[in-house]
Amino acid sequence: MAIDVANRLFCFYDSVRRADRNGVVDVLRLWLGDEVRFHLGPDAASSWDVASWAVRADPRWPRQTDGGSCGVFVLVAADCFSLGAPLLFSQWDISTLRERMSIALFFDDMQEGDDVLSVLPSVETPPASDVEEDHKED
């Protein structure tokens, strides 16, 4: 689920199902309306008119065909939604996307790019650990 405030749009995405069978959009619509009313006041809530916002659930968005990649689908879709990028990936891409996420998490940098090995130091012997350094002072 992504809420596009600029375009007054709720984007419902489920990599398994195509429809909101559990009322997620309705709950988020109520939540957003309450948040606007609480933080911005009743006039803002009236002008935002969250109840009238459209819902987009595009049947062309990627669908998973296995039972174990829903987390990858959710993370990649969230990334695409946040960047305003189209959802142009498929089940076939999941292995590569898993690898890219693992590398990004390892380096703690989603902006690292394709050439992550270039940032690794070229060291013949591993550096001493912090624990070893602490014991040298004793």
N, C-alpha and C. Protein backbone atom coordinates (compact mmCIF):
# COMPACT_ATOMS: atom_id res chain seq x y z
N MET A 1 0.84 -1.17 0.00
CA MET A 1 0.00 0.00 0.00
C MET A 1 0.88 1.23 0.00
N ALA A 2 0.61 2.12 -0.88
CA ALA A 2 1.31 3.40 -0.92
C ALA A 2 0.26 4.50 -1.02
N ILE A 3 0.50 5.58 -0.30
CA ILE A 3 -0.41 6.71 -0.36
C ILE A 3 0.31 7.84 -1.07
N ASP A 4 -0.20 8.22 -2.21
CA ASP A 4 0.38 9.28 -3.02
C ASP A 4 -0.42 10.56 -2.73
N VAL A 5 0.08 11.33 -1.77
CA VAL A 5 -0.63 12.52 -1.32
C VAL A 5 -0.70 13.56 -2.44
N ALA A 6 0.40 13.73 -3.16
CA ALA A 6 0.44 14.74 -4.22
C ALA A 6 -0.64 14.52 -5.27
N ASN A 7 -0.91 13.26 -5.58
CA ASN A 7 -1.92 12.95 -6.59
C ASN A 7 -3.24 12.47 -6.00
N ARG A 8 -3.34 12.56 -4.68
CA ARG A 8 -4.56 12.13 -3.97
C ARG A 8 -5.00 10.74 -4.43
N LEU A 9 -4.10 9.78 -4.16
CA LEU A 9 -4.28 8.44 -4.70
C LEU A 9 -3.78 7.39 -3.72
N PHE A 10 -4.58 6.35 -3.53
CA PHE A 10 -4.16 5.18 -2.77
C PHE A 10 -3.74 4.12 -3.79
N CYS A 11 -2.50 3.64 -3.67
CA CYS A 11 -2.00 2.60 -4.58
C CYS A 11 -1.95 1.28 -3.83
N PHE A 12 -2.87 0.40 -4.17
CA PHE A 12 -2.93 -0.90 -3.51
C PHE A 12 -2.13 -1.91 -4.32
N TYR A 13 -1.15 -2.56 -3.64
CA TYR A 13 -0.33 -3.56 -4.32
C TYR A 13 -0.21 -4.78 -3.43
N ASP A 14 -0.58 -5.91 -3.97
CA ASP A 14 -0.41 -7.20 -3.31
C ASP A 14 0.15 -8.14 -4.38
N SER A 15 1.32 -8.68 -4.13
CA SER A 15 1.98 -9.50 -5.15
C SER A 15 1.29 -10.84 -5.37
N VAL A 16 0.38 -11.22 -4.50
CA VAL A 16 -0.33 -12.49 -4.65
C VAL A 16 -1.75 -12.27 -5.16
N ARG A 17 -2.48 -11.38 -4.47
CA ARG A 17 -3.87 -11.12 -4.85
C ARG A 17 -3.96 -9.81 -5.62
N ARG A 18 -5.00 -9.66 -6.37
CA ARG A 18 -5.18 -8.42 -7.14
C ARG A 18 -6.18 -7.48 -6.49
N ALA A 19 -6.90 -7.95 -5.50
CA ALA A 19 -7.95 -7.12 -4.90
C ALA A 19 -7.71 -6.96 -3.40
N ASP A 20 -8.22 -5.88 -2.86
CA ASP A 20 -8.14 -5.60 -1.43
C ASP A 20 -9.28 -6.31 -0.73
N ARG A 21 -9.09 -7.57 -0.42
CA ARG A 21 -10.15 -8.37 0.20
C ARG A 21 -10.29 -8.14 1.69
N ASN A 22 -9.29 -7.49 2.30
CA ASN A 22 -9.31 -7.31 3.75
C ASN A 22 -9.63 -5.88 4.18
N GLY A 23 -9.96 -5.02 3.26
CA GLY A 23 -10.34 -3.66 3.60
C GLY A 23 -9.18 -2.76 4.01
N VAL A 24 -7.98 -3.06 3.52
CA VAL A 24 -6.79 -2.28 3.87
C VAL A 24 -6.96 -0.82 3.45
N VAL A 25 -7.45 -0.60 2.26
CA VAL A 25 -7.62 0.78 1.76
C VAL A 25 -8.58 1.55 2.65
N ASP A 26 -9.67 0.93 3.04
CA ASP A 26 -10.64 1.62 3.89
C ASP A 26 -10.04 2.01 5.23
N VAL A 27 -9.25 1.11 5.82
CA VAL A 27 -8.60 1.41 7.10
C VAL A 27 -7.61 2.56 6.95
N LEU A 28 -6.80 2.52 5.91
CA LEU A 28 -5.82 3.60 5.70
C LEU A 28 -6.49 4.92 5.33
N ARG A 29 -7.59 4.84 4.63
CA ARG A 29 -8.34 6.05 4.29
C ARG A 29 -8.86 6.72 5.59
N LEU A 30 -9.40 5.92 6.49
CA LEU A 30 -9.86 6.45 7.78
C LEU A 30 -8.69 7.00 8.60
N TRP A 31 -7.58 6.25 8.63
CA TRP A 31 -6.41 6.68 9.38
C TRP A 31 -5.89 8.02 8.85
N LEU A 32 -5.72 8.15 7.55
CA LEU A 32 -5.19 9.38 6.97
C LEU A 32 -6.13 10.55 7.25
N GLY A 33 -7.42 10.32 7.10
CA GLY A 33 -8.39 11.38 7.41
C GLY A 33 -8.29 11.83 8.85
N ASP A 34 -8.15 10.86 9.78
CA ASP A 34 -8.01 11.20 11.20
C ASP A 34 -6.72 11.96 11.47
N GLU A 35 -5.63 11.56 10.82
CA GLU A 35 -4.34 12.23 11.01
C GLU A 35 -4.39 13.67 10.52
N VAL A 36 -4.98 13.86 9.37
CA VAL A 36 -5.09 15.21 8.82
C VAL A 36 -5.94 16.07 9.75
N ARG A 37 -7.06 15.53 10.20
CA ARG A 37 -7.95 16.27 11.09
C ARG A 37 -7.23 16.61 12.40
N PHE A 38 -6.49 15.65 12.96
CA PHE A 38 -5.81 15.86 14.25
C PHE A 38 -4.66 16.86 14.12
N HIS A 39 -3.85 16.71 13.08
CA HIS A 39 -2.64 17.54 12.96
C HIS A 39 -2.85 18.86 12.23
N LEU A 40 -3.79 18.89 11.30
CA LEU A 40 -3.97 20.09 10.48
C LEU A 40 -5.30 20.79 10.72
N GLY A 41 -6.21 20.12 11.39
CA GLY A 41 -7.49 20.73 11.72
C GLY A 41 -8.62 20.33 10.78
N PRO A 42 -9.85 20.63 11.19
CA PRO A 42 -11.02 20.22 10.42
C PRO A 42 -11.12 20.88 9.04
N ASP A 43 -10.65 22.11 8.92
CA ASP A 43 -10.70 22.76 7.61
C ASP A 43 -9.81 22.04 6.61
N ALA A 44 -8.61 21.67 7.05
CA ALA A 44 -7.70 20.93 6.17
C ALA A 44 -8.28 19.56 5.83
N ALA A 45 -8.87 18.91 6.82
CA ALA A 45 -9.47 17.60 6.57
C ALA A 45 -10.58 17.71 5.53
N SER A 46 -11.33 18.79 5.61
CA SER A 46 -12.41 19.00 4.63
C SER A 46 -11.84 19.26 3.24
N SER A 47 -10.77 20.05 3.15
CA SER A 47 -10.20 20.35 1.83
C SER A 47 -9.44 19.16 1.25
N TRP A 48 -8.83 18.36 2.11
CA TRP A 48 -8.14 17.16 1.62
C TRP A 48 -9.15 16.15 1.10
N ASP A 49 -10.29 16.01 1.74
CA ASP A 49 -11.37 15.11 1.33
C ASP A 49 -10.84 13.71 0.97
N VAL A 50 -10.13 13.12 1.92
CA VAL A 50 -9.49 11.81 1.72
C VAL A 50 -10.50 10.75 1.28
N ALA A 51 -11.72 10.87 1.71
CA ALA A 51 -12.75 9.87 1.35
C ALA A 51 -12.98 9.80 -0.16
N SER A 52 -12.65 10.87 -0.87
CA SER A 52 -12.90 10.89 -2.32
C SER A 52 -11.69 10.43 -3.16
N TRP A 53 -10.57 10.17 -2.52
CA TRP A 53 -9.37 9.81 -3.27
C TRP A 53 -9.55 8.48 -3.99
N ALA A 54 -9.03 8.39 -5.17
CA ALA A 54 -9.13 7.16 -5.97
C ALA A 54 -8.18 6.08 -5.45
N VAL A 55 -8.46 4.86 -5.86
CA VAL A 55 -7.61 3.71 -5.53
C VAL A 55 -7.09 3.13 -6.83
N ARG A 56 -5.79 2.93 -6.88
CA ARG A 56 -5.18 2.32 -8.07
C ARG A 56 -4.66 0.94 -7.68
N ALA A 57 -5.07 -0.06 -8.42
CA ALA A 57 -4.58 -1.43 -8.27
C ALA A 57 -4.39 -1.96 -9.69
N ASP A 58 -3.22 -1.77 -10.22
CA ASP A 58 -2.95 -2.08 -11.62
C ASP A 58 -2.72 -3.57 -11.82
N PRO A 59 -3.54 -4.23 -12.64
CA PRO A 59 -3.36 -5.67 -12.87
C PRO A 59 -2.05 -6.01 -13.58
N ARG A 60 -1.38 -5.00 -14.13
CA ARG A 60 -0.10 -5.25 -14.80
C ARG A 60 1.09 -5.22 -13.85
N TRP A 61 0.86 -4.82 -12.60
CA TRP A 61 1.94 -4.80 -11.62
C TRP A 61 2.44 -6.22 -11.39
N PRO A 62 3.70 -6.40 -11.03
CA PRO A 62 4.30 -7.74 -10.90
C PRO A 62 3.57 -8.65 -9.91
N ARG A 63 3.50 -9.90 -10.29
CA ARG A 63 2.87 -10.93 -9.45
C ARG A 63 3.89 -12.01 -9.14
N GLN A 64 3.86 -12.49 -7.91
CA GLN A 64 4.75 -13.58 -7.55
C GLN A 64 4.11 -14.92 -7.89
N THR A 65 4.95 -15.87 -8.22
CA THR A 65 4.45 -17.19 -8.59
C THR A 65 4.95 -18.26 -7.64
N ASP A 66 5.59 -17.85 -6.55
CA ASP A 66 6.05 -18.81 -5.55
C ASP A 66 5.50 -18.41 -4.19
N GLY A 67 5.85 -19.15 -3.18
CA GLY A 67 5.34 -18.86 -1.85
C GLY A 67 6.36 -18.22 -0.92
N GLY A 68 7.54 -17.85 -1.44
CA GLY A 68 8.57 -17.37 -0.54
C GLY A 68 9.23 -16.07 -0.90
N SER A 69 8.70 -15.34 -1.85
CA SER A 69 9.37 -14.10 -2.24
C SER A 69 8.52 -12.85 -2.00
N CYS A 70 7.49 -12.97 -1.20
CA CYS A 70 6.61 -11.82 -0.99
C CYS A 70 7.34 -10.65 -0.35
N GLY A 71 8.29 -10.91 0.55
CA GLY A 71 9.04 -9.83 1.17
C GLY A 71 9.86 -9.04 0.16
N VAL A 72 10.47 -9.74 -0.79
CA VAL A 72 11.25 -9.07 -1.82
C VAL A 72 10.33 -8.24 -2.69
N PHE A 73 9.18 -8.80 -3.06
CA PHE A 73 8.21 -8.05 -3.87
C PHE A 73 7.78 -6.77 -3.14
N VAL A 74 7.51 -6.88 -1.85
CA VAL A 74 7.05 -5.72 -1.08
C VAL A 74 8.15 -4.65 -1.01
N LEU A 75 9.38 -5.07 -0.71
CA LEU A 75 10.46 -4.10 -0.59
C LEU A 75 10.77 -3.40 -1.91
N VAL A 76 10.80 -4.17 -2.99
CA VAL A 76 11.10 -3.58 -4.29
C VAL A 76 9.95 -2.66 -4.73
N ALA A 77 8.72 -3.10 -4.51
CA ALA A 77 7.57 -2.24 -4.87
C ALA A 77 7.59 -0.96 -4.05
N ALA A 78 7.88 -1.06 -2.75
CA ALA A 78 7.95 0.14 -1.90
C ALA A 78 9.03 1.09 -2.40
N ASP A 79 10.16 0.53 -2.80
CA ASP A 79 11.24 1.36 -3.34
C ASP A 79 10.77 2.08 -4.61
N CYS A 80 10.12 1.34 -5.49
CA CYS A 80 9.62 1.94 -6.74
C CYS A 80 8.59 3.03 -6.45
N PHE A 81 7.64 2.74 -5.55
CA PHE A 81 6.62 3.74 -5.21
C PHE A 81 7.28 5.00 -4.64
N SER A 82 8.26 4.81 -3.75
CA SER A 82 8.88 5.97 -3.12
C SER A 82 9.67 6.83 -4.10
N LEU A 83 10.18 6.19 -5.16
CA LEU A 83 10.94 6.92 -6.17
C LEU A 83 10.08 7.41 -7.33
N GLY A 84 8.81 7.03 -7.34
CA GLY A 84 7.94 7.37 -8.45
C GLY A 84 8.30 6.60 -9.71
N ALA A 85 8.93 5.46 -9.53
CA ALA A 85 9.38 4.63 -10.65
C ALA A 85 8.35 3.55 -10.95
N PRO A 86 8.27 3.11 -12.19
CA PRO A 86 7.34 2.03 -12.54
C PRO A 86 7.80 0.70 -11.93
N LEU A 87 6.86 -0.16 -11.69
CA LEU A 87 7.16 -1.49 -11.16
C LEU A 87 7.50 -2.41 -12.33
N LEU A 88 8.76 -2.41 -12.72
CA LEU A 88 9.21 -3.16 -13.89
C LEU A 88 10.12 -4.32 -13.48
N PHE A 89 9.61 -5.20 -12.65
CA PHE A 89 10.35 -6.39 -12.26
C PHE A 89 9.37 -7.56 -12.28
N SER A 90 9.91 -8.76 -12.21
CA SER A 90 9.05 -9.94 -12.25
C SER A 90 9.62 -11.02 -11.34
N GLN A 91 8.92 -12.12 -11.25
CA GLN A 91 9.40 -13.26 -10.47
C GLN A 91 10.79 -13.68 -10.93
N TRP A 92 11.03 -13.56 -12.21
CA TRP A 92 12.30 -13.96 -12.78
C TRP A 92 13.46 -13.13 -12.21
N ASP A 93 13.20 -11.91 -11.78
CA ASP A 93 14.22 -11.00 -11.26
C ASP A 93 14.51 -11.16 -9.78
N ILE A 94 13.72 -11.94 -9.07
CA ILE A 94 13.79 -11.99 -7.61
C ILE A 94 15.16 -12.42 -7.10
N SER A 95 15.78 -13.40 -7.70
CA SER A 95 17.10 -13.84 -7.24
C SER A 95 18.11 -12.70 -7.31
N THR A 96 18.13 -11.98 -8.40
CA THR A 96 19.05 -10.85 -8.56
C THR A 96 18.71 -9.74 -7.57
N LEU A 97 17.43 -9.48 -7.38
CA LEU A 97 17.02 -8.44 -6.43
C LEU A 97 17.41 -8.81 -5.00
N ARG A 98 17.29 -10.10 -4.65
CA ARG A 98 17.73 -10.57 -3.32
C ARG A 98 19.23 -10.30 -3.14
N GLU A 99 20.00 -10.63 -4.15
CA GLU A 99 21.44 -10.42 -4.07
C GLU A 99 21.77 -8.94 -3.92
N ARG A 100 21.11 -8.09 -4.69
CA ARG A 100 21.37 -6.65 -4.62
C ARG A 100 20.99 -6.09 -3.24
N MET A 101 19.88 -6.57 -2.68
CA MET A 101 19.48 -6.11 -1.35
C MET A 101 20.49 -6.59 -0.30
N SER A 102 20.96 -7.82 -0.43
CA SER A 102 21.94 -8.35 0.53
C SER A 102 23.21 -7.52 0.50
N ILE A 103 23.68 -7.20 -0.68
CA ILE A 103 24.90 -6.40 -0.81
C ILE A 103 24.67 -5.00 -0.26
N ALA A 104 23.52 -4.42 -0.58
CA ALA A 104 23.21 -3.07 -0.07
C ALA A 104 23.14 -3.07 1.45
N LEU A 105 22.54 -4.10 2.03
CA LEU A 105 22.45 -4.17 3.49
C LEU A 105 23.83 -4.39 4.10
N PHE A 106 24.65 -5.20 3.45
CA PHE A 106 26.00 -5.45 3.95
C PHE A 106 26.80 -4.15 4.00
N PHE A 107 26.70 -3.35 2.95
CA PHE A 107 27.43 -2.11 2.90
C PHE A 107 26.65 -0.97 3.54
N ASP A 108 25.41 -1.25 3.99
CA ASP A 108 24.55 -0.25 4.61
C ASP A 108 24.40 0.97 3.72
N ASP A 109 24.21 0.71 2.42
CA ASP A 109 24.10 1.81 1.46
C ASP A 109 23.33 1.34 0.25
N MET A 110 22.09 1.79 0.11
CA MET A 110 21.28 1.40 -1.04
C MET A 110 21.73 2.13 -2.31
N GLN A 111 22.64 3.08 -2.19
CA GLN A 111 23.10 3.85 -3.33
C GLN A 111 24.43 3.36 -3.89
N GLU A 112 24.88 2.19 -3.46
CA GLU A 112 26.21 1.72 -3.82
C GLU A 112 26.38 1.44 -5.30
N GLY A 113 25.35 1.00 -5.97
CA GLY A 113 25.46 0.74 -7.40
C GLY A 113 25.90 -0.69 -7.69
N ASP A 114 26.22 -0.94 -8.94
CA ASP A 114 26.56 -2.28 -9.37
C ASP A 114 27.98 -2.71 -9.00
N ASP A 115 28.89 -1.77 -8.87
CA ASP A 115 30.29 -2.10 -8.67
C ASP A 115 30.66 -2.06 -7.20
N VAL A 116 29.97 -2.85 -6.36
CA VAL A 116 30.21 -2.80 -4.93
C VAL A 116 31.56 -3.36 -4.55
N LEU A 117 32.13 -4.25 -5.34
CA LEU A 117 33.42 -4.82 -4.99
C LEU A 117 34.53 -3.78 -5.04
N SER A 118 34.34 -2.72 -5.78
CA SER A 118 35.36 -1.69 -5.89
C SER A 118 35.55 -0.93 -4.58
N VAL A 119 34.60 -1.00 -3.67
CA VAL A 119 34.74 -0.27 -2.41
C VAL A 119 35.42 -1.11 -1.33
N LEU A 120 35.64 -2.40 -1.61
CA LEU A 120 36.31 -3.24 -0.63
C LEU A 120 37.79 -2.90 -0.59
N PRO A 121 38.38 -2.82 0.60
CA PRO A 121 39.80 -2.52 0.68
C PRO A 121 40.62 -3.71 0.19
N SER A 122 41.75 -3.42 -0.40
CA SER A 122 42.66 -4.45 -0.86
C SER A 122 43.67 -4.67 0.25
N VAL A 123 43.43 -5.68 1.09
CA VAL A 123 44.27 -5.94 2.25
C VAL A 123 44.73 -7.39 2.20
N GLU A 124 46.05 -7.62 2.42
CA GLU A 124 46.57 -8.99 2.38
C GLU A 124 46.28 -9.71 3.67
N THR A 125 46.38 -9.03 4.80
CA THR A 125 46.06 -9.66 6.08
C THR A 125 44.93 -8.88 6.71
N PRO A 126 44.03 -9.57 7.36
CA PRO A 126 42.90 -8.86 7.96
C PRO A 126 43.37 -7.95 9.09
N PRO A 127 42.71 -6.81 9.26
CA PRO A 127 43.07 -5.90 10.35
C PRO A 127 42.73 -6.52 11.70
N ALA A 128 43.41 -6.06 12.73
CA ALA A 128 43.14 -6.55 14.08
C ALA A 128 41.74 -6.14 14.49
N SER A 129 41.10 -6.98 15.27
CA SER A 129 39.75 -6.64 15.73
C SER A 129 39.83 -5.65 16.87
N ASP A 130 38.73 -5.01 17.17
CA ASP A 130 38.67 -4.08 18.29
C ASP A 130 38.98 -4.79 19.60
N VAL A 131 38.54 -6.05 19.71
CA VAL A 131 38.76 -6.83 20.93
C VAL A 131 40.26 -7.02 21.14
N GLU A 132 40.99 -7.39 20.09
CA GLU A 132 42.44 -7.58 20.22
C GLU A 132 43.11 -6.28 20.59
N GLU A 133 42.68 -5.16 20.01
CA GLU A 133 43.26 -3.86 20.31
C GLU A 133 43.03 -3.49 21.77
N ASP A 134 41.84 -3.79 22.31
CA ASP A 134 41.51 -3.48 23.70
C ASP A 134 42.41 -4.24 24.66
N HIS A 135 42.74 -5.49 24.34
CA HIS A 135 43.54 -6.33 25.24
C HIS A 135 45.01 -5.95 25.20
N LYS A 136 45.50 -5.29 24.15
CA LYS A 136 46.89 -4.88 24.06
C LYS A 136 47.20 -3.81 25.11
N GLU A 137 46.18 -3.03 25.49
CA GLU A 137 46.39 -1.97 26.46
C GLU A 137 46.51 -2.50 27.88
N ASP A 138 45.98 -3.71 28.14
CA ASP A 138 45.98 -4.29 29.51
C ASP A 138 47.33 -4.68 29.96
